[in-house]
Amino acid sequence: MSKLTHIDDKGDPVMVDVSGKEETVRTAEASGVIRITSAMVEAIEGDAVKKGDVLTIAKLAGVMAVKKTPEIIPLCHPLLISGAKLSARLDRKNCEIHFTARVSSTGPTGVEMEALSAVSAACLTAYDMLKALDKGMEIGEIKLLSKTGGKSGDYVLKEMK
């Protein structure tokens, strides 16, 4: 078994020292889905959600989550984020909201966790804003779609079957 990167010789957790790693441009894209009811779709489209504009506020929550990722993920490095953008698509036919996050930085470590945190927070915010209508929503399919930069190179999700 290979040596664990986040555990020292005494078994204590440590943040990996990335000071010797080359700084490269890093990007990551992640997505997530929340399944809602048709009544919720109508409420969103009709600006009838009492807490406000669900898609805009959820996207804002996602951007905020990018900046807070090291506070909620143990041993995650605080990063200087160059850019973070969330998109939201309301799928009326399937009663779903699809969130996608794209995060970028130049540094010694990647931004995958920041992109995943962003879509998670966006989904949770949509849930919070819509729960008065029905609590039976389902959040799922949170996944890393792609990443660039760093020693391990580029990655693009191969759809699982």
Protein backbone atom coordinates (compact mmCIF):
# COMPACT_ATOMS: atom_id res chain seq x y z
CA MET A 1 0.00 0.00 0.00
CA SER A 2 1.32 3.45 -0.86
CA LYS A 3 1.97 6.05 1.84
CA LEU A 4 -1.06 8.22 2.61
CA THR A 5 -0.60 11.85 1.59
CA HIS A 6 -2.66 13.45 4.36
CA ILE A 7 -1.37 11.35 7.30
CA ASP A 8 2.10 11.76 8.81
CA ASP A 9 4.34 9.00 10.22
CA LYS A 10 2.62 9.31 13.61
CA GLY A 11 -0.86 8.89 12.10
CA ASP A 12 -1.79 12.55 12.49
CA PRO A 13 -3.64 14.44 9.74
CA VAL A 14 -1.55 16.97 7.81
CA MET A 15 -2.15 19.40 4.99
CA VAL A 16 0.07 18.38 2.08
CA ASP A 17 2.96 20.80 1.51
CA VAL A 18 2.51 22.14 -2.03
CA SER A 19 5.18 24.83 -1.76
CA GLY A 20 7.49 22.95 -4.14
CA LYS A 21 4.85 22.25 -6.78
CA GLU A 22 4.82 24.14 -10.05
CA GLU A 23 2.13 26.79 -10.39
CA THR A 24 -0.07 26.12 -13.39
CA VAL A 25 -3.43 27.35 -14.60
CA ARG A 26 -6.07 25.09 -13.04
CA THR A 27 -9.70 24.75 -14.03
CA ALA A 28 -12.49 22.45 -12.92
CA GLU A 29 -16.06 22.00 -14.01
CA ALA A 30 -18.69 20.15 -11.97
CA SER A 31 -22.43 19.61 -12.17
CA GLY A 32 -25.35 18.70 -9.96
CA VAL A 33 -29.11 18.24 -10.28
CA ILE A 34 -32.09 18.81 -8.04
CA ARG A 35 -35.35 17.11 -8.92
CA ILE A 36 -38.42 19.18 -8.10
CA THR A 37 -42.17 19.09 -8.65
CA SER A 38 -44.06 20.59 -11.59
CA ALA A 39 -45.63 23.07 -9.13
CA MET A 40 -42.13 24.24 -8.22
CA VAL A 41 -41.23 24.66 -11.89
CA GLU A 42 -44.32 26.84 -12.32
CA ALA A 43 -43.48 28.85 -9.19
CA ILE A 44 -39.92 29.48 -10.40
CA GLU A 45 -41.08 30.48 -13.88
CA GLY A 46 -43.81 32.72 -12.45
CA ASP A 47 -41.55 34.44 -9.90
CA ALA A 48 -43.88 33.09 -7.20
CA VAL A 49 -41.30 31.65 -4.78
CA LYS A 50 -41.64 33.67 -1.57
CA LYS A 51 -37.90 33.57 -0.79
CA GLY A 52 -37.01 35.14 -4.15
CA ASP A 53 -35.37 34.25 -7.45
CA VAL A 54 -34.31 30.64 -6.88
CA LEU A 55 -31.87 30.30 -9.77
CA THR A 56 -30.05 33.58 -9.18
CA ILE A 57 -29.72 33.10 -5.42
CA ALA A 58 -28.60 29.47 -5.85
CA LYS A 59 -25.91 30.58 -8.33
CA LEU A 60 -24.74 33.23 -5.87
CA ALA A 61 -24.57 30.60 -3.10
CA GLY A 62 -22.41 28.46 -5.39
CA VAL A 63 -19.93 31.27 -5.97
CA MET A 64 -19.81 31.95 -2.23
CA ALA A 65 -19.18 28.23 -1.55
CA VAL A 66 -16.14 28.30 -3.83
CA LYS A 67 -14.53 30.86 -1.53
CA LYS A 68 -15.46 28.91 1.63
CA THR A 69 -14.41 25.41 0.50
CA PRO A 70 -11.29 25.20 2.72
CA GLU A 71 -13.49 25.99 5.73
CA ILE A 72 -15.69 22.93 5.21
CA ILE A 73 -13.36 20.36 3.63
CA PRO A 74 -10.63 19.25 6.06
CA LEU A 75 -7.06 19.68 4.77
CA CYS A 76 -8.21 21.54 1.64
CA HIS A 77 -5.83 24.37 0.74
CA PRO A 78 -7.08 27.96 0.69
CA LEU A 79 -6.61 29.14 -2.88
CA LEU A 80 -6.50 32.41 -4.75
CA ILE A 81 -9.48 31.88 -7.05
CA SER A 82 -9.21 33.60 -10.43
CA GLY A 83 -12.79 32.98 -11.49
CA ALA A 84 -15.97 31.17 -10.52
CA LYS A 85 -19.15 30.97 -12.55
CA LEU A 86 -22.35 29.03 -11.97
CA SER A 87 -24.99 28.35 -14.56
CA ALA A 88 -28.48 27.06 -13.93
CA ARG A 89 -30.90 25.46 -16.36
CA LEU A 90 -34.52 24.78 -15.46
CA ASP A 91 -35.67 21.62 -17.24
CA ARG A 92 -39.45 21.98 -17.31
CA LYS A 93 -40.09 18.62 -18.99
CA ASN A 94 -38.18 16.55 -16.42
CA CYS A 95 -38.82 18.88 -13.43
CA GLU A 96 -35.13 19.39 -12.71
CA ILE A 97 -32.70 22.21 -12.12
CA HIS A 98 -29.22 21.54 -13.53
CA PHE A 99 -26.31 23.50 -12.05
CA THR A 100 -22.85 23.69 -13.58
CA ALA A 101 -19.84 25.37 -11.96
CA ARG A 102 -16.59 26.39 -13.60
CA VAL A 103 -13.73 27.47 -11.35
CA SER A 104 -10.24 28.65 -12.29
CA SER A 105 -7.02 29.50 -10.48
CA THR A 106 -3.30 29.67 -11.05
CA GLY A 107 -1.43 27.82 -8.37
CA PRO A 108 0.15 24.61 -7.06
CA THR A 109 -3.07 22.67 -6.47
CA GLY A 110 -6.37 22.12 -8.25
CA VAL A 111 -9.86 23.54 -7.88
CA GLU A 112 -11.93 20.36 -8.16
CA MET A 113 -13.24 20.59 -4.60
CA GLU A 114 -14.25 24.21 -5.14
CA ALA A 115 -16.30 23.32 -8.23
CA LEU A 116 -17.95 20.40 -6.44
CA SER A 117 -18.70 22.58 -3.41
CA ALA A 118 -20.26 25.19 -5.69
CA VAL A 119 -22.81 22.86 -7.28
CA SER A 120 -23.55 21.24 -3.91
CA ALA A 121 -24.29 24.64 -2.35
CA ALA A 122 -26.41 25.69 -5.33
CA CYS A 123 -28.53 22.54 -5.05
CA LEU A 124 -28.88 22.93 -1.27
CA THR A 125 -29.88 26.57 -1.66
CA ALA A 126 -32.54 25.68 -4.23
CA TYR A 127 -33.84 23.04 -1.80
CA ASP A 128 -33.97 25.59 1.03
CA MET A 129 -35.83 28.11 -1.09
CA LEU A 130 -38.38 25.58 -2.36
CA LYS A 131 -38.94 23.39 0.72
CA ALA A 132 -42.07 25.34 1.76
CA LEU A 133 -43.75 23.99 -1.38
CA ASP A 134 -42.68 20.35 -0.92
CA LYS A 135 -39.82 18.75 0.98
CA GLY A 136 -39.70 15.68 -1.28
CA MET A 137 -37.01 17.03 -3.61
CA GLU A 138 -33.99 14.93 -4.54
CA ILE A 139 -30.43 16.19 -4.98
CA GLY A 140 -28.09 14.03 -7.02
CA GLU A 141 -25.61 13.44 -9.77
CA ILE A 142 -22.99 15.76 -8.28
CA LYS A 143 -19.85 15.04 -10.27
CA LEU A 144 -16.62 16.42 -11.61
CA LEU A 145 -16.99 16.89 -15.36
CA SER A 146 -13.45 18.00 -16.16
CA LYS A 147 -10.26 19.49 -14.81
CA THR A 148 -7.11 20.94 -16.34
CA GLY A 149 -3.60 21.67 -15.12
CA GLY A 150 -1.23 20.17 -12.66
CA LYS A 151 1.01 17.13 -12.59
CA SER A 152 -1.82 14.66 -13.29
CA GLY A 153 -2.86 16.57 -16.42
CA ASP A 154 -6.30 16.99 -17.88
CA TYR A 155 -9.36 14.91 -16.99
CA VAL A 156 -12.73 14.57 -18.68
CA LEU A 157 -15.48 12.45 -17.16
CA LYS A 158 -16.24 9.27 -19.04
CA GLU A 159 -19.93 8.58 -18.57
CA MET A 160 -20.49 5.64 -16.28
CA LYS A 161 -22.89 2.93 -17.40
